[in-house]
Amino acid sequence: ALARFYKTGSKSLLDQYSDTCLRRVWKVQRFS
């Protein structure tokens, strides 16, 4: 996300950071 920001100025991936990570986090929490 940071690489996209510094390359294009877009914050779209930074804005999605939490949602993107939490989707995996909760799957891993379920498994653990």
PDB file of all heavy atoms in Angstrom:
ATOM      1  N   ALA A   1       0.823  -1.207   0.000  1.00  0.00           N
ATOM      2  CA  ALA A   1       0.000   0.000   0.000  1.00  0.00           C
ATOM      3  C   ALA A   1       0.860   1.262   0.000  1.00  0.00           C
ATOM      4  O   ALA A   1       0.554   2.241  -0.695  1.00  0.00           O
ATOM      5  CB  ALA A   1      -0.927  -0.014   1.209  1.00  0.00           C
ATOM      6  N   LEU A   2       1.940   1.257   0.760  1.00  0.00           N
ATOM      7  CA  LEU A   2       2.837   2.410   0.805  1.00  0.00           C
ATOM      8  C   LEU A   2       3.555   2.591  -0.534  1.00  0.00           C
ATOM      9  O   LEU A   2       3.730   3.717  -1.012  1.00  0.00           O
ATOM     10  CB  LEU A   2       3.844   2.242   1.937  1.00  0.00           C
ATOM     11  CG  LEU A   2       3.274   2.379   3.349  1.00  0.00           C
ATOM     12  CD1 LEU A   2       4.266   1.876   4.392  1.00  0.00           C
ATOM     13  CD2 LEU A   2       2.898   3.836   3.648  1.00  0.00           C
ATOM     14  N   ALA A   3       3.953   1.482  -1.133  1.00  0.00           N
ATOM     15  CA  ALA A   3       4.611   1.571  -2.439  1.00  0.00           C
ATOM     16  C   ALA A   3       3.668   2.175  -3.474  1.00  0.00           C
ATOM     17  O   ALA A   3       4.081   3.009  -4.302  1.00  0.00           O
ATOM     18  CB  ALA A   3       5.080   0.187  -2.886  1.00  0.00           C
ATOM     19  N   ARG A   4       2.386   1.789  -3.433  1.00  0.00           N
ATOM     20  CA  ARG A   4       1.405   2.358  -4.357  1.00  0.00           C
ATOM     21  C   ARG A   4       1.262   3.872  -4.119  1.00  0.00           C
ATOM     22  O   ARG A   4       1.192   4.660  -5.068  1.00  0.00           O
ATOM     23  CB  ARG A   4       0.058   1.656  -4.170  1.00  0.00           C
ATOM     24  CG  ARG A   4      -1.110   2.290  -4.923  1.00  0.00           C
ATOM     25  CD  ARG A   4      -1.016   2.084  -6.420  1.00  0.00           C
ATOM     26  NE  ARG A   4      -1.083   0.676  -6.741  1.00  0.00           N
ATOM     27  CZ  ARG A   4      -2.230  -0.007  -6.886  1.00  0.00           C
ATOM     28  NH1 ARG A   4      -3.398   0.599  -6.736  1.00  0.00           N
ATOM     29  NH2 ARG A   4      -2.189  -1.284  -7.210  1.00  0.00           N
ATOM     30  N   PHE A   5       1.231   4.268  -2.855  1.00  0.00           N
ATOM     31  CA  PHE A   5       1.098   5.689  -2.534  1.00  0.00           C
ATOM     32  C   PHE A   5       2.276   6.500  -3.069  1.00  0.00           C
ATOM     33  O   PHE A   5       2.092   7.537  -3.715  1.00  0.00           O
ATOM     34  CB  PHE A   5       0.983   5.879  -1.019  1.00  0.00           C
ATOM     35  CG  PHE A   5       1.049   7.323  -0.588  1.00  0.00           C
ATOM     36  CD1 PHE A   5      -0.072   8.133  -0.665  1.00  0.00           C
ATOM     37  CD2 PHE A   5       2.232   7.878  -0.118  1.00  0.00           C
ATOM     38  CE1 PHE A   5      -0.017   9.474  -0.293  1.00  0.00           C
ATOM     39  CE2 PHE A   5       2.305   9.207   0.262  1.00  0.00           C
ATOM     40  CZ  PHE A   5       1.176  10.007   0.173  1.00  0.00           C
ATOM     41  N   TYR A   6       3.487   6.024  -2.826  1.00  0.00           N
ATOM     42  CA  TYR A   6       4.658   6.803  -3.248  1.00  0.00           C
ATOM     43  C   TYR A   6       4.865   6.759  -4.758  1.00  0.00           C
ATOM     44  O   TYR A   6       5.474   7.657  -5.336  1.00  0.00           O
ATOM     45  CB  TYR A   6       5.907   6.315  -2.515  1.00  0.00           C
ATOM     46  CG  TYR A   6       5.957   6.794  -1.083  1.00  0.00           C
ATOM     47  CD1 TYR A   6       5.817   5.899  -0.028  1.00  0.00           C
ATOM     48  CD2 TYR A   6       6.111   8.136  -0.793  1.00  0.00           C
ATOM     49  CE1 TYR A   6       5.847   6.339   1.288  1.00  0.00           C
ATOM     50  CE2 TYR A   6       6.138   8.596   0.524  1.00  0.00           C
ATOM     51  CZ  TYR A   6       6.007   7.695   1.550  1.00  0.00           C
ATOM     52  OH  TYR A   6       6.028   8.135   2.858  1.00  0.00           O
ATOM     53  N   LYS A   7       4.318   5.752  -5.409  1.00  0.00           N
ATOM     54  CA  LYS A   7       4.454   5.662  -6.860  1.00  0.00           C
ATOM     55  C   LYS A   7       3.401   6.479  -7.595  1.00  0.00           C
ATOM     56  O   LYS A   7       3.690   7.122  -8.620  1.00  0.00           O
ATOM     57  CB  LYS A   7       4.361   4.198  -7.294  1.00  0.00           C
ATOM     58  CG  LYS A   7       4.573   3.983  -8.782  1.00  0.00           C
ATOM     59  CD  LYS A   7       4.541   2.501  -9.140  1.00  0.00           C
ATOM     60  CE  LYS A   7       4.778   2.287 -10.634  1.00  0.00           C
ATOM     61  NZ  LYS A   7       4.767   0.838 -10.980  1.00  0.00           N
ATOM     62  N   THR A   8       2.160   6.472  -7.069  1.00  0.00           N
ATOM     63  CA  THR A   8       1.053   7.091  -7.796  1.00  0.00           C
ATOM     64  C   THR A   8       0.356   8.215  -7.044  1.00  0.00           C
ATOM     65  O   THR A   8      -0.433   8.956  -7.634  1.00  0.00           O
ATOM     66  CB  THR A   8      -0.009   6.035  -8.147  1.00  0.00           C
ATOM     67  OG1 THR A   8      -0.662   5.599  -6.932  1.00  0.00           O
ATOM     68  CG2 THR A   8       0.634   4.828  -8.830  1.00  0.00           C
ATOM     69  N   GLY A   9       0.603   8.318  -5.726  1.00  0.00           N
ATOM     70  CA  GLY A   9      -0.123   9.291  -4.914  1.00  0.00           C
ATOM     71  C   GLY A   9      -1.466   8.782  -4.432  1.00  0.00           C
ATOM     72  O   GLY A   9      -2.158   9.472  -3.678  1.00  0.00           O
ATOM     73  N   SER A  10      -1.845   7.565  -4.826  1.00  0.00           N
ATOM     74  CA  SER A  10      -3.139   7.020  -4.431  1.00  0.00           C
ATOM     75  C   SER A  10      -3.084   6.421  -3.030  1.00  0.00           C
ATOM     76  O   SER A  10      -2.173   5.644  -2.712  1.00  0.00           O
ATOM     77  CB  SER A  10      -3.568   5.932  -5.427  1.00  0.00           C
ATOM     78  OG  SER A  10      -4.715   5.243  -4.948  1.00  0.00           O
ATOM     79  N   LYS A  11      -4.070   6.740  -2.217  1.00  0.00           N
ATOM     80  CA  LYS A  11      -4.173   6.193  -0.865  1.00  0.00           C
ATOM     81  C   LYS A  11      -5.176   5.047  -0.795  1.00  0.00           C
ATOM     82  O   LYS A  11      -5.521   4.603   0.304  1.00  0.00           O
ATOM     83  CB  LYS A  11      -4.584   7.295   0.122  1.00  0.00           C
ATOM     84  CG  LYS A  11      -3.535   8.386   0.330  1.00  0.00           C
ATOM     85  CD  LYS A  11      -4.014   9.427   1.322  1.00  0.00           C
ATOM     86  CE  LYS A  11      -4.239   8.836   2.698  1.00  0.00           C
ATOM     87  NZ  LYS A  11      -4.725   9.840   3.681  1.00  0.00           N
ATOM     88  N   SER A  12      -5.617   4.558  -1.930  1.00  0.00           N
ATOM     89  CA  SER A  12      -6.693   3.566  -1.934  1.00  0.00           C
ATOM     90  C   SER A  12      -6.310   2.304  -1.164  1.00  0.00           C
ATOM     91  O   SER A  12      -7.104   1.784  -0.371  1.00  0.00           O
ATOM     92  CB  SER A  12      -7.094   3.213  -3.366  1.00  0.00           C
ATOM     93  OG  SER A  12      -5.992   2.672  -4.088  1.00  0.00           O
ATOM     94  N   LEU A  13      -5.112   1.795  -1.391  1.00  0.00           N
ATOM     95  CA  LEU A  13      -4.701   0.586  -0.678  1.00  0.00           C
ATOM     96  C   LEU A  13      -4.455   0.863   0.797  1.00  0.00           C
ATOM     97  O   LEU A  13      -4.708   0.006   1.648  1.00  0.00           O
ATOM     98  CB  LEU A  13      -3.459  -0.018  -1.322  1.00  0.00           C
ATOM     99  CG  LEU A  13      -3.612  -0.577  -2.734  1.00  0.00           C
ATOM    100  CD1 LEU A  13      -2.318  -1.271  -3.175  1.00  0.00           C
ATOM    101  CD2 LEU A  13      -4.778  -1.550  -2.828  1.00  0.00           C
ATOM    102  N   LEU A  14      -3.953   2.055   1.123  1.00  0.00           N
ATOM    103  CA  LEU A  14      -3.782   2.421   2.530  1.00  0.00           C
ATOM    104  C   LEU A  14      -5.133   2.491   3.239  1.00  0.00           C
ATOM    105  O   LEU A  14      -5.269   2.043   4.380  1.00  0.00           O
ATOM    106  CB  LEU A  14      -3.053   3.763   2.640  1.00  0.00           C
ATOM    107  CG  LEU A  14      -1.560   3.739   2.296  1.00  0.00           C
ATOM    108  CD1 LEU A  14      -1.023   5.165   2.180  1.00  0.00           C
ATOM    109  CD2 LEU A  14      -0.769   2.962   3.343  1.00  0.00           C
ATOM    110  N   ASP A  15      -6.127   3.032   2.550  1.00  0.00           N
ATOM    111  CA  ASP A  15      -7.461   3.118   3.150  1.00  0.00           C
ATOM    112  C   ASP A  15      -8.068   1.733   3.371  1.00  0.00           C
ATOM    113  O   ASP A  15      -8.896   1.557   4.266  1.00  0.00           O
ATOM    114  CB  ASP A  15      -8.385   3.952   2.259  1.00  0.00           C
ATOM    115  CG  ASP A  15      -7.993   5.425   2.213  1.00  0.00           C
ATOM    116  OD1 ASP A  15      -7.268   5.871   3.131  1.00  0.00           O
ATOM    117  OD2 ASP A  15      -8.401   6.116   1.258  1.00  0.00           O
ATOM    118  N   GLN A  16      -7.655   0.762   2.554  1.00  0.00           N
ATOM    119  CA  GLN A  16      -8.182  -0.597   2.678  1.00  0.00           C
ATOM    120  C   GLN A  16      -7.337  -1.475   3.591  1.00  0.00           C
ATOM    121  O   GLN A  16      -7.672  -2.648   3.801  1.00  0.00           O
ATOM    122  CB  GLN A  16      -8.225  -1.266   1.292  1.00  0.00           C
ATOM    123  CG  GLN A  16      -9.178  -0.625   0.306  1.00  0.00           C
ATOM    124  CD  GLN A  16      -9.083  -1.290  -1.054  1.00  0.00           C
ATOM    125  OE1 GLN A  16      -9.311  -2.493  -1.183  1.00  0.00           O
ATOM    126  NE2 GLN A  16      -8.725  -0.532  -2.069  1.00  0.00           N
ATOM    127  N   TYR A  17      -6.246  -0.940   4.131  1.00  0.00           N
ATOM    128  CA  TYR A  17      -5.294  -1.757   4.892  1.00  0.00           C
ATOM    129  C   TYR A  17      -5.977  -2.564   5.993  1.00  0.00           C
ATOM    130  O   TYR A  17      -5.815  -3.782   6.087  1.00  0.00           O
ATOM    131  CB  TYR A  17      -4.198  -0.869   5.496  1.00  0.00           C
ATOM    132  CG  TYR A  17      -3.338  -1.587   6.517  1.00  0.00           C
ATOM    133  CD1 TYR A  17      -2.372  -2.509   6.124  1.00  0.00           C
ATOM    134  CD2 TYR A  17      -3.505  -1.369   7.885  1.00  0.00           C
ATOM    135  CE1 TYR A  17      -1.599  -3.190   7.050  1.00  0.00           C
ATOM    136  CE2 TYR A  17      -2.731  -2.039   8.825  1.00  0.00           C
ATOM    137  CZ  TYR A  17      -1.782  -2.950   8.406  1.00  0.00           C
ATOM    138  OH  TYR A  17      -1.017  -3.612   9.324  1.00  0.00           O
ATOM    139  N   SER A  18      -6.756  -1.907   6.821  1.00  0.00           N
ATOM    140  CA  SER A  18      -7.361  -2.597   7.960  1.00  0.00           C
ATOM    141  C   SER A  18      -8.314  -3.694   7.502  1.00  0.00           C
ATOM    142  O   SER A  18      -8.246  -4.838   7.982  1.00  0.00           O
ATOM    143  CB  SER A  18      -8.097  -1.596   8.851  1.00  0.00           C
ATOM    144  OG  SER A  18      -8.596  -2.239  10.010  1.00  0.00           O
ATOM    145  N   ASP A  19      -9.199  -3.379   6.558  1.00  0.00           N
ATOM    146  CA  ASP A  19     -10.156  -4.381   6.086  1.00  0.00           C
ATOM    147  C   ASP A  19      -9.441  -5.570   5.446  1.00  0.00           C
ATOM    148  O   ASP A  19      -9.836  -6.725   5.648  1.00  0.00           O
ATOM    149  CB  ASP A  19     -11.118  -3.747   5.079  1.00  0.00           C
ATOM    150  CG  ASP A  19     -12.109  -2.797   5.730  1.00  0.00           C
ATOM    151  OD1 ASP A  19     -12.273  -2.867   6.968  1.00  0.00           O
ATOM    152  OD2 ASP A  19     -12.705  -1.980   5.008  1.00  0.00           O
ATOM    153  N   THR A  20      -8.396  -5.281   4.652  1.00  0.00           N
ATOM    154  CA  THR A  20      -7.657  -6.363   3.994  1.00  0.00           C
ATOM    155  C   THR A  20      -7.006  -7.278   5.023  1.00  0.00           C
ATOM    156  O   THR A  20      -7.105  -8.507   4.935  1.00  0.00           O
ATOM    157  CB  THR A  20      -6.584  -5.783   3.057  1.00  0.00           C
ATOM    158  OG1 THR A  20      -7.202  -4.948   2.079  1.00  0.00           O
ATOM    159  CG2 THR A  20      -5.807  -6.894   2.359  1.00  0.00           C
ATOM    160  N   CYS A  21      -6.335  -6.685   6.008  1.00  0.00           N
ATOM    161  CA  CYS A  21      -5.660  -7.490   7.032  1.00  0.00           C
ATOM    162  C   CYS A  21      -6.647  -8.247   7.908  1.00  0.00           C
ATOM    163  O   CYS A  21      -6.440  -9.432   8.209  1.00  0.00           O
ATOM    164  CB  CYS A  21      -4.777  -6.596   7.902  1.00  0.00           C
ATOM    165  SG  CYS A  21      -3.301  -5.977   7.069  1.00  0.00           S
ATOM    166  N   LEU A  22      -7.728  -7.577   8.317  1.00  0.00           N
ATOM    167  CA  LEU A  22      -8.643  -8.205   9.258  1.00  0.00           C
ATOM    168  C   LEU A  22      -9.360  -9.411   8.653  1.00  0.00           C
ATOM    169  O   LEU A  22      -9.706 -10.360   9.374  1.00  0.00           O
ATOM    170  CB  LEU A  22      -9.668  -7.183   9.767  1.00  0.00           C
ATOM    171  CG  LEU A  22      -9.118  -6.205  10.798  1.00  0.00           C
ATOM    172  CD1 LEU A  22     -10.095  -5.058  11.036  1.00  0.00           C
ATOM    173  CD2 LEU A  22      -8.808  -6.914  12.118  1.00  0.00           C
ATOM    174  N   ARG A  23      -9.552  -9.405   7.347  1.00  0.00           N
ATOM    175  CA  ARG A  23     -10.164 -10.580   6.714  1.00  0.00           C
ATOM    176  C   ARG A  23      -9.302 -11.807   6.963  1.00  0.00           C
ATOM    177  O   ARG A  23      -9.806 -12.890   7.281  1.00  0.00           O
ATOM    178  CB  ARG A  23     -10.332 -10.331   5.212  1.00  0.00           C
ATOM    179  CG  ARG A  23     -11.090 -11.433   4.493  1.00  0.00           C
ATOM    180  CD  ARG A  23     -11.617 -10.956   3.153  1.00  0.00           C
ATOM    181  NE  ARG A  23     -12.385 -12.027   2.509  1.00  0.00           N
ATOM    182  CZ  ARG A  23     -11.986 -12.682   1.434  1.00  0.00           C
ATOM    183  NH1 ARG A  23     -10.825 -12.383   0.860  1.00  0.00           N
ATOM    184  NH2 ARG A  23     -12.737 -13.622   0.917  1.00  0.00           N
ATOM    185  N   ARG A  24      -7.996 -11.658   6.843  1.00  0.00           N
ATOM    186  CA  ARG A  24      -7.088 -12.769   7.114  1.00  0.00           C
ATOM    187  C   ARG A  24      -6.968 -13.016   8.614  1.00  0.00           C
ATOM    188  O   ARG A  24      -6.946 -14.179   9.057  1.00  0.00           O
ATOM    189  CB  ARG A  24      -5.708 -12.448   6.534  1.00  0.00           C
ATOM    190  CG  ARG A  24      -4.697 -13.598   6.665  1.00  0.00           C
ATOM    191  CD  ARG A  24      -3.316 -13.193   6.179  1.00  0.00           C
ATOM    192  NE  ARG A  24      -2.431 -14.331   6.036  1.00  0.00           N
ATOM    193  CZ  ARG A  24      -2.338 -15.095   4.966  1.00  0.00           C
ATOM    194  NH1 ARG A  24      -3.101 -14.824   3.911  1.00  0.00           N
ATOM    195  NH2 ARG A  24      -1.506 -16.119   4.919  1.00  0.00           N
ATOM    196  N   VAL A  25      -6.880 -11.947   9.400  1.00  0.00           N
ATOM    197  CA  VAL A  25      -6.724 -12.086  10.852  1.00  0.00           C
ATOM    198  C   VAL A  25      -7.830 -12.958  11.434  1.00  0.00           C
ATOM    199  O   VAL A  25      -7.572 -13.878  12.230  1.00  0.00           O
ATOM    200  CB  VAL A  25      -6.709 -10.702  11.521  1.00  0.00           C
ATOM    201  CG1 VAL A  25      -6.913 -10.821  13.031  1.00  0.00           C
ATOM    202  CG2 VAL A  25      -5.407  -9.964  11.220  1.00  0.00           C
ATOM    203  N   TRP A  26      -9.082 -12.696  11.032  1.00  0.00           N
ATOM    204  CA  TRP A  26     -10.178 -13.462  11.625  1.00  0.00           C
ATOM    205  C   TRP A  26     -10.200 -14.905  11.146  1.00  0.00           C
ATOM    206  O   TRP A  26     -10.590 -15.813  11.894  1.00  0.00           O
ATOM    207  CB  TRP A  26     -11.518 -12.769  11.368  1.00  0.00           C
ATOM    208  CG  TRP A  26     -11.738 -11.645  12.337  1.00  0.00           C
ATOM    209  CD1 TRP A  26     -11.736 -10.307  12.080  1.00  0.00           C
ATOM    210  CD2 TRP A  26     -11.942 -11.775  13.749  1.00  0.00           C
ATOM    211  NE1 TRP A  26     -11.945  -9.593  13.241  1.00  0.00           N
ATOM    212  CE2 TRP A  26     -12.078 -10.462  14.275  1.00  0.00           C
ATOM    213  CE3 TRP A  26     -12.032 -12.851  14.617  1.00  0.00           C
ATOM    214  CZ2 TRP A  26     -12.292 -10.218  15.629  1.00  0.00           C
ATOM    215  CZ3 TRP A  26     -12.252 -12.617  15.973  1.00  0.00           C
ATOM    216  CH2 TRP A  26     -12.381 -11.313  16.469  1.00  0.00           C
ATOM    217  N   LYS A  27      -9.771 -15.165   9.931  1.00  0.00           N
ATOM    218  CA  LYS A  27      -9.640 -16.559   9.491  1.00  0.00           C
ATOM    219  C   LYS A  27      -8.573 -17.281  10.303  1.00  0.00           C
ATOM    220  O   LYS A  27      -8.735 -18.449  10.677  1.00  0.00           O
ATOM    221  CB  LYS A  27      -9.294 -16.612   8.002  1.00  0.00           C
ATOM    222  CG  LYS A  27     -10.436 -16.216   7.079  1.00  0.00           C
ATOM    223  CD  LYS A  27      -9.981 -16.258   5.628  1.00  0.00           C
ATOM    224  CE  LYS A  27     -11.085 -15.830   4.681  1.00  0.00           C
ATOM    225  NZ  LYS A  27     -10.624 -15.802   3.270  1.00  0.00           N
ATOM    226  N   VAL A  28      -7.471 -16.592  10.571  1.00  0.00           N
ATOM    227  CA  VAL A  28      -6.401 -17.196  11.366  1.00  0.00           C
ATOM    228  C   VAL A  28      -6.839 -17.372  12.814  1.00  0.00           C
ATOM    229  O   VAL A  28      -6.517 -18.380  13.459  1.00  0.00           O
ATOM    230  CB  VAL A  28      -5.119 -16.353  11.245  1.00  0.00           C
ATOM    231  CG1 VAL A  28      -4.068 -16.812  12.255  1.00  0.00           C
ATOM    232  CG2 VAL A  28      -4.561 -16.430   9.826  1.00  0.00           C
ATOM    233  N   GLN A  29      -7.584 -16.394  13.347  1.00  0.00           N
ATOM    234  CA  GLN A  29      -8.116 -16.550  14.703  1.00  0.00           C
ATOM    235  C   GLN A  29      -9.029 -17.769  14.774  1.00  0.00           C
ATOM    236  O   GLN A  29      -8.972 -18.540  15.742  1.00  0.00           O
ATOM    237  CB  GLN A  29      -8.893 -15.297  15.123  1.00  0.00           C
ATOM    238  CG  GLN A  29      -8.037 -14.073  15.401  1.00  0.00           C
ATOM    239  CD  GLN A  29      -7.298 -14.159  16.725  1.00  0.00           C
ATOM    240  OE1 GLN A  29      -7.391 -15.147  17.455  1.00  0.00           O
ATOM    241  NE2 GLN A  29      -6.547 -13.116  17.050  1.00  0.00           N
ATOM    242  N   ARG A  30      -9.870 -17.945  13.764  1.00  0.00           N
ATOM    243  CA  ARG A  30     -10.766 -19.095  13.741  1.00  0.00           C
ATOM    244  C   ARG A  30      -9.970 -20.404  13.771  1.00  0.00           C
ATOM    245  O   ARG A  30     -10.270 -21.316  14.548  1.00  0.00           O
ATOM    246  CB  ARG A  30     -11.635 -19.060  12.474  1.00  0.00           C
ATOM    247  CG  ARG A  30     -12.657 -20.201  12.402  1.00  0.00           C
ATOM    248  CD  ARG A  30     -12.934 -20.613  10.964  1.00  0.00           C
ATOM    249  NE  ARG A  30     -11.788 -21.212  10.318  1.00  0.00           N
ATOM    250  CZ  ARG A  30     -11.424 -22.485  10.436  1.00  0.00           C
ATOM    251  NH1 ARG A  30     -12.103 -23.307  11.231  1.00  0.00           N
ATOM    252  NH2 ARG A  30     -10.368 -22.947   9.794  1.00  0.00           N
ATOM    253  N   PHE A  31      -8.938 -20.477  12.943  1.00  0.00           N
ATOM    254  CA  PHE A  31      -8.142 -21.699  12.877  1.00  0.00           C
ATOM    255  C   PHE A  31      -7.402 -21.948  14.192  1.00  0.00           C
ATOM    256  O   PHE A  31      -7.391 -23.077  14.704  1.00  0.00           O
ATOM    257  CB  PHE A  31      -7.143 -21.599  11.724  1.00  0.00           C
ATOM    258  CG  PHE A  31      -6.195 -22.763  11.643  1.00  0.00           C
ATOM    259  CD1 PHE A  31      -6.650 -24.022  11.293  1.00  0.00           C
ATOM    260  CD2 PHE A  31      -4.846 -22.600  11.931  1.00  0.00           C
ATOM    261  CE1 PHE A  31      -5.784 -25.105  11.221  1.00  0.00           C
ATOM    262  CE2 PHE A  31      -3.976 -23.673  11.856  1.00  0.00           C
ATOM    263  CZ  PHE A  31      -4.441 -24.928  11.507  1.00  0.00           C
ATOM    264  N   SER A  32      -6.792 -20.903  14.754  1.00  0.00           N
ATOM    265  CA  SER A  32      -6.034 -21.071  15.997  1.00  0.00           C
ATOM    266  C   SER A  32      -6.950 -21.459  17.154  1.00  0.00           C
ATOM    267  O   SER A  32      -6.599 -22.299  17.987  1.00  0.00           O
ATOM    268  CB  SER A  32      -5.273 -19.784  16.319  1.00  0.00           C
ATOM    269  OG  SER A  32      -4.340 -19.489  15.306  1.00  0.00           O
TER     270      SER A  32
END
